């Protein structure tokens, strides 16, 4: 039997419904064809993620794309783009550490 995969958007919708005041997790789970225990897990993970993001110095995960074999670091910032190309991994690591 193959496990059902839920997209991030589907999980988000189910979690939002489960967080609504007076919501019945069992009913929401039944309506979406998912086990109530899984909805509880997703809801707990959602709450833990929100707390971690609100904490001091919490890391934010950003999308990363690996293109080709050349070492290039490109970071889009609110006021522009930082691009570092053709450098050693140690230098890229140092640049990232400075941005923390």
Protein backbone atom coordinates (compact mmCIF):
# COMPACT_ATOMS: atom_id res chain seq x y z
CA UNK A 1 0.00 0.00 0.00
CA UNK A 2 1.46 3.37 -1.05
CA UNK A 3 1.37 6.24 1.45
CA UNK A 4 -0.58 9.35 0.49
CA UNK A 5 1.59 12.44 0.05
CA UNK A 6 0.09 15.76 1.11
CA UNK A 7 1.28 18.95 -0.55
CA UNK A 8 2.36 21.88 1.62
CA UNK A 9 -0.71 23.79 0.43
CA UNK A 10 -3.05 20.93 1.43
CA UNK A 11 -1.42 20.67 4.86
CA UNK A 12 -1.65 24.44 5.33
CA UNK A 13 -5.37 24.43 4.55
CA UNK A 14 -6.05 21.54 6.92
CA UNK A 15 -3.95 23.13 9.70
CA UNK A 16 -5.74 26.47 9.30
CA UNK A 17 -9.09 24.72 9.61
CA UNK A 18 -7.89 22.81 12.68
CA UNK A 19 -6.68 26.02 14.37
CA UNK A 20 -10.04 27.77 13.98
CA UNK A 21 -11.89 28.37 17.27
CA UNK A 22 -14.33 25.55 17.98
CA UNK A 23 -12.97 23.36 15.19
CA UNK A 24 -13.29 19.59 15.48
CA UNK A 25 -10.04 17.93 14.40
CA UNK A 26 -11.84 14.62 13.92
CA UNK A 27 -14.41 16.20 11.59
CA UNK A 28 -11.77 18.13 9.63
CA UNK A 29 -9.67 14.99 9.26
CA UNK A 30 -12.66 12.98 8.07
CA UNK A 31 -13.59 15.68 5.53
CA UNK A 32 -10.07 15.59 4.08
CA UNK A 33 -9.59 11.83 4.26
CA UNK A 34 -6.69 11.97 6.70
CA UNK A 35 -6.21 10.43 10.14
CA UNK A 36 -6.98 12.79 13.01
CA UNK A 37 -3.68 11.84 14.65
CA UNK A 38 -1.83 13.16 11.61
CA UNK A 39 -3.70 16.47 11.80
CA UNK A 40 -2.64 16.74 15.45
CA UNK A 41 0.98 16.11 14.43
CA UNK A 42 0.84 18.74 11.66
CA UNK A 43 -0.78 21.24 14.03
CA UNK A 44 1.89 20.61 16.67
CA UNK A 45 4.66 21.02 14.08
CA UNK A 46 3.05 24.24 12.84
CA UNK A 47 2.90 25.69 16.36
CA UNK A 48 6.50 24.63 17.09
CA UNK A 49 7.64 26.24 13.84
CA UNK A 50 5.93 29.52 14.69
CA UNK A 51 7.55 29.56 18.13
CA UNK A 52 10.99 28.86 16.64
CA UNK A 53 10.57 31.66 14.10
CA UNK A 54 9.62 34.10 16.87
CA UNK A 55 12.62 33.13 19.01
CA UNK A 56 15.76 35.25 19.26
CA UNK A 57 18.26 34.49 16.54
CA UNK A 58 16.10 31.83 14.92
CA UNK A 59 17.42 30.60 11.60
CA UNK A 60 15.27 31.17 8.53
CA UNK A 61 15.48 28.60 5.80
CA UNK A 62 15.55 30.06 2.33
CA UNK A 63 15.20 28.41 -1.08
CA UNK A 64 18.47 27.22 -2.55
CA UNK A 65 19.17 26.32 -6.17
CA UNK A 66 22.26 24.45 -7.36
CA UNK A 67 23.06 25.36 -10.96
CA UNK A 68 26.05 23.91 -12.76
CA UNK A 69 29.39 23.10 -11.16
CA UNK A 70 30.88 26.57 -10.77
CA UNK A 71 30.95 27.89 -7.20
CA UNK A 72 28.66 30.92 -7.20
CA UNK A 73 26.80 32.36 -4.25
CA UNK A 74 23.91 34.66 -5.07
CA UNK A 75 21.76 36.22 -2.36
CA UNK A 76 18.76 38.39 -3.06
CA UNK A 77 18.38 41.07 -0.43
CA UNK A 78 15.67 43.71 -0.01
CA UNK A 79 17.96 46.42 -1.40
CA UNK A 80 19.73 44.44 -4.11
CA UNK A 81 21.55 41.26 -4.99
CA UNK A 82 24.90 39.97 -3.72
CA UNK A 83 26.77 37.74 -6.17
CA UNK A 84 30.07 36.01 -5.39
CA UNK A 85 31.44 33.87 -8.22
CA UNK A 86 34.41 31.53 -8.77
CA UNK A 87 35.66 31.38 -5.20
CA UNK A 88 36.71 28.71 -2.76
CA UNK A 89 34.11 27.10 -0.52
CA UNK A 90 35.94 28.46 2.57
CA UNK A 91 35.45 32.03 1.36
CA UNK A 92 31.78 31.42 0.63
CA UNK A 93 31.41 30.02 4.16
CA UNK A 94 33.10 33.13 5.61
CA UNK A 95 30.74 35.41 3.67
CA UNK A 96 27.71 33.51 4.98
CA UNK A 97 29.01 33.69 8.54
CA UNK A 98 29.36 37.46 8.23
CA UNK A 99 25.72 37.77 7.18
CA UNK A 100 24.44 36.16 10.39
